[in-house]
Amino acid sequence: MRVTESIGIERPPAAVWAVVSDLSTHTEWRPALVEFRQVSDGPLAVGSRIREVLLWRGRELELDDVVTALEPERRFALTGSWSAAEFDLELLLEPDGDGTRVTMDWPLRPKSLLMRVAAPFLGGAMRKATREELELLKAYVEVRS
């Protein structure tokens, strides 16, 4: 299953990148997140490990993520997993006039039998949550900068 959504933000890619690449802001615009922090040493880079804790449908999920792309003002991507599934998440930033078009793309690969059965029914909720995150990112960036 794959969810892809995008939104226009009325700020340049540099302003959007400043938020997307600052892990401490993610809990501000991703409402399901309880925690999102780097657990590896050194500056954020490809290969950095991130601990992600989120509330999804009444359950707390702990995810182990690894940064797979970090291209300033263009692309932030990671791969992650928990017991029931693996996923990739890509935030792509593209100049759009005076603003930025942000696309969030994340394929989900179920690992458990229950998730394989449930995944087709979760698509609508996952798309809605993704749109909400993008709308909150837009509001956060446009108010902040």
N, C-alpha and C. Protein backbone atom coordinates (compact mmCIF):
# COMPACT_ATOMS: atom_id res chain seq x y z
N MET A 1 0.84 -1.17 0.00
CA MET A 1 0.00 0.00 0.00
C MET A 1 0.89 1.24 0.00
N ARG A 2 0.43 2.28 -0.68
CA ARG A 2 1.22 3.50 -0.80
C ARG A 2 0.29 4.71 -0.62
N VAL A 3 0.76 5.69 0.14
CA VAL A 3 0.04 6.94 0.32
C VAL A 3 0.92 8.07 -0.20
N THR A 4 0.38 8.88 -1.09
CA THR A 4 1.10 10.04 -1.64
C THR A 4 0.15 11.23 -1.63
N GLU A 5 0.56 12.28 -0.95
CA GLU A 5 -0.23 13.52 -0.87
C GLU A 5 0.71 14.70 -1.02
N SER A 6 0.21 15.82 -1.54
CA SER A 6 1.06 17.01 -1.62
C SER A 6 0.25 18.26 -1.31
N ILE A 7 1.01 19.33 -1.03
CA ILE A 7 0.40 20.60 -0.66
C ILE A 7 1.35 21.74 -1.07
N GLY A 8 0.76 22.88 -1.37
CA GLY A 8 1.55 24.07 -1.66
C GLY A 8 1.74 24.88 -0.39
N ILE A 9 2.96 25.31 -0.15
CA ILE A 9 3.28 26.15 1.01
C ILE A 9 3.81 27.47 0.49
N GLU A 10 3.28 28.55 0.99
CA GLU A 10 3.64 29.88 0.49
C GLU A 10 4.91 30.42 1.15
N ARG A 11 5.93 29.60 1.09
CA ARG A 11 7.27 29.98 1.57
C ARG A 11 8.28 29.27 0.68
N PRO A 12 9.49 29.81 0.55
CA PRO A 12 10.51 29.17 -0.29
C PRO A 12 11.00 27.85 0.31
N PRO A 13 11.60 27.01 -0.53
CA PRO A 13 12.10 25.72 -0.03
C PRO A 13 13.02 25.84 1.19
N ALA A 14 13.82 26.89 1.29
CA ALA A 14 14.72 27.04 2.44
C ALA A 14 13.94 27.12 3.75
N ALA A 15 12.80 27.82 3.74
CA ALA A 15 11.99 27.95 4.96
C ALA A 15 11.33 26.62 5.32
N VAL A 16 10.88 25.90 4.32
CA VAL A 16 10.26 24.58 4.58
C VAL A 16 11.33 23.61 5.06
N TRP A 17 12.50 23.63 4.42
CA TRP A 17 13.59 22.74 4.80
C TRP A 17 14.02 22.98 6.25
N ALA A 18 14.03 24.24 6.68
CA ALA A 18 14.43 24.55 8.05
C ALA A 18 13.54 23.84 9.06
N VAL A 19 12.30 23.65 8.73
CA VAL A 19 11.36 22.95 9.62
C VAL A 19 11.49 21.43 9.46
N VAL A 20 11.45 20.96 8.23
CA VAL A 20 11.49 19.51 7.96
C VAL A 20 12.77 18.88 8.49
N SER A 21 13.88 19.57 8.37
CA SER A 21 15.17 18.99 8.79
C SER A 21 15.46 19.19 10.28
N ASP A 22 14.61 19.91 10.98
CA ASP A 22 14.75 20.10 12.43
C ASP A 22 13.82 19.11 13.12
N LEU A 23 14.38 17.99 13.55
CA LEU A 23 13.56 16.91 14.11
C LEU A 23 12.72 17.37 15.30
N SER A 24 13.18 18.37 16.04
CA SER A 24 12.44 18.83 17.21
C SER A 24 11.10 19.47 16.84
N THR A 25 10.91 19.86 15.58
CA THR A 25 9.64 20.47 15.18
C THR A 25 8.58 19.44 14.79
N HIS A 26 8.97 18.22 14.50
CA HIS A 26 8.04 17.24 13.95
C HIS A 26 6.84 16.98 14.86
N THR A 27 7.02 17.00 16.16
CA THR A 27 5.88 16.77 17.06
C THR A 27 4.92 17.96 17.04
N GLU A 28 5.35 19.10 16.51
CA GLU A 28 4.47 20.27 16.40
C GLU A 28 3.51 20.16 15.22
N TRP A 29 3.91 19.51 14.16
CA TRP A 29 3.06 19.45 12.96
C TRP A 29 2.67 18.02 12.56
N ARG A 30 3.10 17.06 13.32
CA ARG A 30 2.68 15.67 13.09
C ARG A 30 1.96 15.21 14.35
N PRO A 31 0.64 15.40 14.41
CA PRO A 31 -0.11 15.23 15.66
C PRO A 31 -0.06 13.84 16.29
N ALA A 32 0.19 12.81 15.53
CA ALA A 32 0.26 11.46 16.12
C ALA A 32 1.58 11.21 16.84
N LEU A 33 2.59 12.07 16.57
CA LEU A 33 3.91 11.85 17.16
C LEU A 33 3.96 12.26 18.63
N VAL A 34 4.51 11.37 19.42
CA VAL A 34 4.80 11.65 20.82
C VAL A 34 6.28 12.01 20.96
N GLU A 35 7.10 11.34 20.16
CA GLU A 35 8.55 11.54 20.21
C GLU A 35 9.14 11.32 18.82
N PHE A 36 10.11 12.16 18.46
CA PHE A 36 10.81 12.02 17.19
C PHE A 36 12.18 12.64 17.39
N ARG A 37 13.18 11.77 17.67
CA ARG A 37 14.49 12.31 17.99
C ARG A 37 15.59 11.39 17.47
N GLN A 38 16.71 12.01 17.17
CA GLN A 38 17.87 11.26 16.73
C GLN A 38 18.48 10.53 17.91
N VAL A 39 18.81 9.26 17.72
CA VAL A 39 19.43 8.48 18.79
C VAL A 39 20.87 8.09 18.46
N SER A 40 21.31 8.38 17.25
CA SER A 40 22.71 8.11 16.88
C SER A 40 23.53 9.37 17.15
N ASP A 41 24.82 9.19 17.23
CA ASP A 41 25.73 10.31 17.49
C ASP A 41 25.97 11.12 16.22
N GLY A 42 26.42 12.36 16.42
CA GLY A 42 26.81 13.22 15.31
C GLY A 42 25.64 14.00 14.74
N PRO A 43 25.94 14.82 13.74
CA PRO A 43 24.89 15.62 13.10
C PRO A 43 23.96 14.72 12.29
N LEU A 44 22.77 15.21 12.04
CA LEU A 44 21.81 14.47 11.22
C LEU A 44 22.39 14.25 9.83
N ALA A 45 22.39 13.00 9.38
CA ALA A 45 22.98 12.65 8.09
C ALA A 45 22.36 11.33 7.61
N VAL A 46 22.61 11.00 6.36
CA VAL A 46 22.19 9.69 5.87
C VAL A 46 22.80 8.64 6.79
N GLY A 47 21.99 7.70 7.24
CA GLY A 47 22.44 6.68 8.17
C GLY A 47 22.10 6.98 9.63
N SER A 48 21.74 8.23 9.93
CA SER A 48 21.35 8.56 11.31
C SER A 48 20.13 7.75 11.72
N ARG A 49 20.11 7.35 12.98
CA ARG A 49 18.98 6.59 13.51
C ARG A 49 18.07 7.52 14.29
N ILE A 50 16.76 7.31 14.13
CA ILE A 50 15.75 8.13 14.78
C ILE A 50 14.80 7.22 15.54
N ARG A 51 14.46 7.64 16.74
CA ARG A 51 13.43 6.95 17.53
C ARG A 51 12.13 7.72 17.32
N GLU A 52 11.11 7.00 16.91
CA GLU A 52 9.80 7.59 16.65
C GLU A 52 8.77 6.87 17.50
N VAL A 53 8.02 7.62 18.28
CA VAL A 53 6.93 7.06 19.06
C VAL A 53 5.67 7.79 18.63
N LEU A 54 4.66 7.03 18.24
CA LEU A 54 3.42 7.67 17.81
C LEU A 54 2.21 6.94 18.35
N LEU A 55 1.12 7.67 18.41
CA LEU A 55 -0.17 7.09 18.80
C LEU A 55 -0.97 6.90 17.53
N TRP A 56 -1.36 5.67 17.25
CA TRP A 56 -2.14 5.36 16.06
C TRP A 56 -3.29 4.46 16.45
N ARG A 57 -4.49 4.97 16.28
CA ARG A 57 -5.71 4.22 16.58
C ARG A 57 -5.72 3.68 18.01
N GLY A 58 -5.29 4.54 18.95
CA GLY A 58 -5.32 4.19 20.36
C GLY A 58 -4.14 3.37 20.86
N ARG A 59 -3.20 3.06 19.98
CA ARG A 59 -2.04 2.27 20.38
C ARG A 59 -0.77 3.10 20.25
N GLU A 60 0.14 2.89 21.17
CA GLU A 60 1.45 3.54 21.07
C GLU A 60 2.39 2.62 20.31
N LEU A 61 2.98 3.15 19.24
CA LEU A 61 3.91 2.38 18.43
C LEU A 61 5.30 2.98 18.55
N GLU A 62 6.30 2.14 18.76
CA GLU A 62 7.69 2.57 18.80
C GLU A 62 8.35 2.11 17.52
N LEU A 63 8.89 3.06 16.78
CA LEU A 63 9.50 2.75 15.49
C LEU A 63 10.98 3.09 15.51
N ASP A 64 11.72 2.30 14.79
CA ASP A 64 13.15 2.54 14.61
C ASP A 64 13.34 2.97 13.16
N ASP A 65 13.78 4.22 12.98
CA ASP A 65 13.94 4.79 11.64
C ASP A 65 15.42 5.02 11.33
N VAL A 66 15.72 5.04 10.05
CA VAL A 66 17.06 5.36 9.57
C VAL A 66 16.91 6.37 8.43
N VAL A 67 17.66 7.46 8.50
CA VAL A 67 17.62 8.47 7.44
C VAL A 67 18.26 7.89 6.18
N THR A 68 17.53 7.96 5.07
CA THR A 68 18.03 7.41 3.80
C THR A 68 18.36 8.50 2.78
N ALA A 69 17.86 9.71 2.99
CA ALA A 69 18.18 10.83 2.10
C ALA A 69 18.08 12.12 2.88
N LEU A 70 19.04 12.99 2.65
CA LEU A 70 19.06 14.30 3.30
C LEU A 70 19.69 15.27 2.30
N GLU A 71 18.85 15.81 1.44
CA GLU A 71 19.29 16.71 0.38
C GLU A 71 18.71 18.09 0.68
N PRO A 72 19.51 19.00 1.24
CA PRO A 72 18.99 20.30 1.68
C PRO A 72 18.11 20.99 0.65
N GLU A 73 16.98 21.46 1.18
CA GLU A 73 15.97 22.20 0.42
C GLU A 73 15.32 21.38 -0.68
N ARG A 74 15.52 20.05 -0.64
CA ARG A 74 14.94 19.21 -1.69
C ARG A 74 14.29 17.93 -1.20
N ARG A 75 14.98 17.16 -0.33
CA ARG A 75 14.47 15.83 -0.01
C ARG A 75 14.94 15.34 1.35
N PHE A 76 13.98 14.86 2.14
CA PHE A 76 14.27 14.21 3.42
C PHE A 76 13.55 12.87 3.37
N ALA A 77 14.27 11.78 3.60
CA ALA A 77 13.65 10.47 3.53
C ALA A 77 14.20 9.56 4.61
N LEU A 78 13.36 8.63 5.02
CA LEU A 78 13.78 7.64 6.00
C LEU A 78 13.04 6.34 5.76
N THR A 79 13.58 5.30 6.35
CA THR A 79 12.92 4.01 6.34
C THR A 79 12.74 3.61 7.79
N GLY A 80 11.66 2.91 8.07
CA GLY A 80 11.39 2.54 9.45
C GLY A 80 10.57 1.27 9.53
N SER A 81 10.41 0.81 10.78
CA SER A 81 9.64 -0.41 10.98
C SER A 81 9.17 -0.52 12.41
N TRP A 82 8.18 -1.34 12.57
CA TRP A 82 7.73 -1.82 13.88
C TRP A 82 7.29 -3.26 13.66
N SER A 83 6.77 -3.90 14.65
CA SER A 83 6.51 -5.34 14.56
C SER A 83 5.57 -5.72 13.42
N ALA A 84 4.63 -4.85 13.05
CA ALA A 84 3.62 -5.23 12.06
C ALA A 84 3.94 -4.80 10.63
N ALA A 85 4.85 -3.83 10.45
CA ALA A 85 5.08 -3.32 9.09
C ALA A 85 6.41 -2.59 8.97
N GLU A 86 6.81 -2.41 7.73
CA GLU A 86 7.96 -1.58 7.38
C GLU A 86 7.44 -0.49 6.46
N PHE A 87 8.14 0.63 6.41
CA PHE A 87 7.70 1.72 5.54
C PHE A 87 8.90 2.55 5.12
N ASP A 88 8.68 3.33 4.08
CA ASP A 88 9.61 4.37 3.67
C ASP A 88 8.81 5.67 3.74
N LEU A 89 9.45 6.74 4.06
CA LEU A 89 8.80 8.05 4.08
C LEU A 89 9.69 9.02 3.35
N GLU A 90 9.13 9.72 2.38
CA GLU A 90 9.89 10.73 1.65
C GLU A 90 9.11 12.03 1.66
N LEU A 91 9.80 13.10 2.03
CA LEU A 91 9.26 14.45 1.90
C LEU A 91 10.06 15.11 0.79
N LEU A 92 9.39 15.42 -0.30
CA LEU A 92 10.03 16.02 -1.47
C LEU A 92 9.60 17.47 -1.56
N LEU A 93 10.56 18.38 -1.64
CA LEU A 93 10.30 19.82 -1.74
C LEU A 93 10.66 20.28 -3.15
N GLU A 94 9.70 20.94 -3.81
CA GLU A 94 9.93 21.44 -5.16
C GLU A 94 9.54 22.90 -5.22
N PRO A 95 10.40 23.76 -5.78
CA PRO A 95 10.01 25.17 -5.94
C PRO A 95 8.72 25.26 -6.74
N ASP A 96 7.85 26.18 -6.33
CA ASP A 96 6.55 26.35 -6.98
C ASP A 96 6.23 27.85 -6.95
N GLY A 97 6.67 28.57 -7.97
CA GLY A 97 6.54 30.03 -7.97
C GLY A 97 7.37 30.60 -6.82
N ASP A 98 6.73 31.39 -5.96
CA ASP A 98 7.42 31.94 -4.78
C ASP A 98 7.36 30.98 -3.59
N GLY A 99 6.69 29.85 -3.76
CA GLY A 99 6.50 28.92 -2.66
C GLY A 99 7.16 27.57 -2.93
N THR A 100 6.61 26.56 -2.24
CA THR A 100 7.16 25.21 -2.31
C THR A 100 6.01 24.21 -2.40
N ARG A 101 6.14 23.25 -3.28
CA ARG A 101 5.23 22.12 -3.34
C ARG A 101 5.89 21.01 -2.54
N VAL A 102 5.20 20.53 -1.49
CA VAL A 102 5.72 19.46 -0.64
C VAL A 102 4.90 18.20 -0.90
N THR A 103 5.58 17.13 -1.23
CA THR A 103 4.92 15.84 -1.45
C THR A 103 5.42 14.87 -0.39
N MET A 104 4.47 14.22 0.27
CA MET A 104 4.80 13.18 1.24
C MET A 104 4.38 11.85 0.60
N ASP A 105 5.34 10.98 0.47
CA ASP A 105 5.11 9.68 -0.17
C ASP A 105 5.59 8.61 0.79
N TRP A 106 4.71 7.66 1.11
CA TRP A 106 5.18 6.58 1.98
C TRP A 106 4.48 5.26 1.71
N PRO A 107 5.24 4.37 1.08
CA PRO A 107 4.78 3.01 0.91
C PRO A 107 4.86 2.24 2.24
N LEU A 108 3.86 1.46 2.49
CA LEU A 108 3.78 0.64 3.70
C LEU A 108 3.82 -0.82 3.28
N ARG A 109 4.71 -1.59 3.91
CA ARG A 109 4.85 -3.00 3.60
C ARG A 109 4.51 -3.83 4.84
N PRO A 110 3.30 -4.40 4.88
CA PRO A 110 2.90 -5.20 6.04
C PRO A 110 3.82 -6.40 6.25
N LYS A 111 4.10 -6.69 7.53
CA LYS A 111 4.90 -7.86 7.88
C LYS A 111 4.03 -8.94 8.53
N SER A 112 3.06 -8.52 9.32
CA SER A 112 2.23 -9.50 10.02
C SER A 112 1.00 -9.85 9.19
N LEU A 113 0.45 -11.01 9.44
CA LEU A 113 -0.77 -11.44 8.75
C LEU A 113 -1.90 -10.46 9.02
N LEU A 114 -2.05 -10.03 10.26
CA LEU A 114 -3.12 -9.09 10.61
C LEU A 114 -2.97 -7.79 9.82
N MET A 115 -1.76 -7.26 9.72
CA MET A 115 -1.56 -6.02 8.98
C MET A 115 -1.81 -6.22 7.49
N ARG A 116 -1.44 -7.38 6.95
CA ARG A 116 -1.71 -7.64 5.53
C ARG A 116 -3.21 -7.63 5.25
N VAL A 117 -3.98 -8.16 6.18
CA VAL A 117 -5.44 -8.18 6.03
C VAL A 117 -6.01 -6.78 6.23
N ALA A 118 -5.50 -6.04 7.22
CA ALA A 118 -6.06 -4.73 7.58
C ALA A 118 -5.62 -3.60 6.66
N ALA A 119 -4.45 -3.71 6.06
CA ALA A 119 -3.87 -2.59 5.28
C ALA A 119 -4.82 -1.99 4.26
N PRO A 120 -5.52 -2.79 3.45
CA PRO A 120 -6.41 -2.18 2.46
C PRO A 120 -7.52 -1.32 3.09
N PHE A 121 -7.91 -1.65 4.31
CA PHE A 121 -8.97 -0.91 4.99
C PHE A 121 -8.45 0.33 5.71
N LEU A 122 -7.15 0.40 5.91
CA LEU A 122 -6.54 1.54 6.60
C LEU A 122 -6.15 2.68 5.66
N GLY A 123 -6.22 2.43 4.37
CA GLY A 123 -5.77 3.41 3.38
C GLY A 123 -6.42 4.78 3.55
N GLY A 124 -7.73 4.82 3.73
CA GLY A 124 -8.43 6.09 3.87
C GLY A 124 -7.96 6.86 5.10
N ALA A 125 -7.82 6.17 6.22
CA ALA A 125 -7.36 6.82 7.45
C ALA A 125 -5.92 7.30 7.30
N MET A 126 -5.10 6.52 6.61
CA MET A 126 -3.70 6.91 6.42
C MET A 126 -3.59 8.13 5.50
N ARG A 127 -4.42 8.17 4.45
CA ARG A 127 -4.42 9.33 3.56
C ARG A 127 -4.89 10.58 4.31
N LYS A 128 -5.93 10.42 5.11
CA LYS A 128 -6.45 11.55 5.90
C LYS A 128 -5.38 12.07 6.87
N ALA A 129 -4.70 11.17 7.55
CA ALA A 129 -3.65 11.57 8.50
C ALA A 129 -2.49 12.26 7.78
N THR A 130 -2.16 11.77 6.59
CA THR A 130 -1.07 12.38 5.82
C THR A 130 -1.46 13.78 5.37
N ARG A 131 -2.68 13.96 4.88
CA ARG A 131 -3.15 15.30 4.49
C ARG A 131 -3.13 16.25 5.69
N GLU A 132 -3.56 15.74 6.85
CA GLU A 132 -3.56 16.57 8.06
C GLU A 132 -2.14 17.01 8.43
N GLU A 133 -1.18 16.09 8.35
CA GLU A 133 0.21 16.45 8.65
C GLU A 133 0.71 17.52 7.69
N LEU A 134 0.39 17.39 6.42
CA LEU A 134 0.84 18.39 5.45
C LEU A 134 0.17 19.75 5.69
N GLU A 135 -1.10 19.74 6.04
CA GLU A 135 -1.79 21.00 6.34
C GLU A 135 -1.19 21.66 7.58
N LEU A 136 -0.83 20.86 8.57
CA LEU A 136 -0.21 21.41 9.78
C LEU A 136 1.22 21.88 9.50
N LEU A 137 1.94 21.17 8.63
CA LEU A 137 3.27 21.64 8.22
C LEU A 137 3.14 23.00 7.54
N LYS A 138 2.19 23.14 6.63
CA LYS A 138 1.96 24.40 5.93
C LYS A 138 1.70 25.52 6.93
N ALA A 139 0.79 25.29 7.86
CA ALA A 139 0.46 26.32 8.85
C ALA A 139 1.69 26.66 9.71
N TYR A 140 2.43 25.65 10.13
CA TYR A 140 3.60 25.86 10.97
C TYR A 140 4.66 26.69 10.25
N VAL A 141 4.95 26.33 9.00
CA VAL A 141 5.98 27.04 8.25
C VAL A 141 5.53 28.47 7.94
N GLU A 142 4.29 28.63 7.52
CA GLU A 142 3.83 29.96 7.11
C GLU A 142 3.72 30.92 8.30
N VAL A 143 3.41 30.41 9.47
CA VAL A 143 3.34 31.28 10.66
C VAL A 143 4.74 31.57 11.19
N ARG A 144 5.61 30.57 11.13
CA ARG A 144 6.96 30.69 11.71
C ARG A 144 7.86 31.61 10.90
N SER A 145 7.73 31.60 9.58
CA SER A 145 8.68 32.39 8.78
C SER A 145 8.02 33.60 8.14
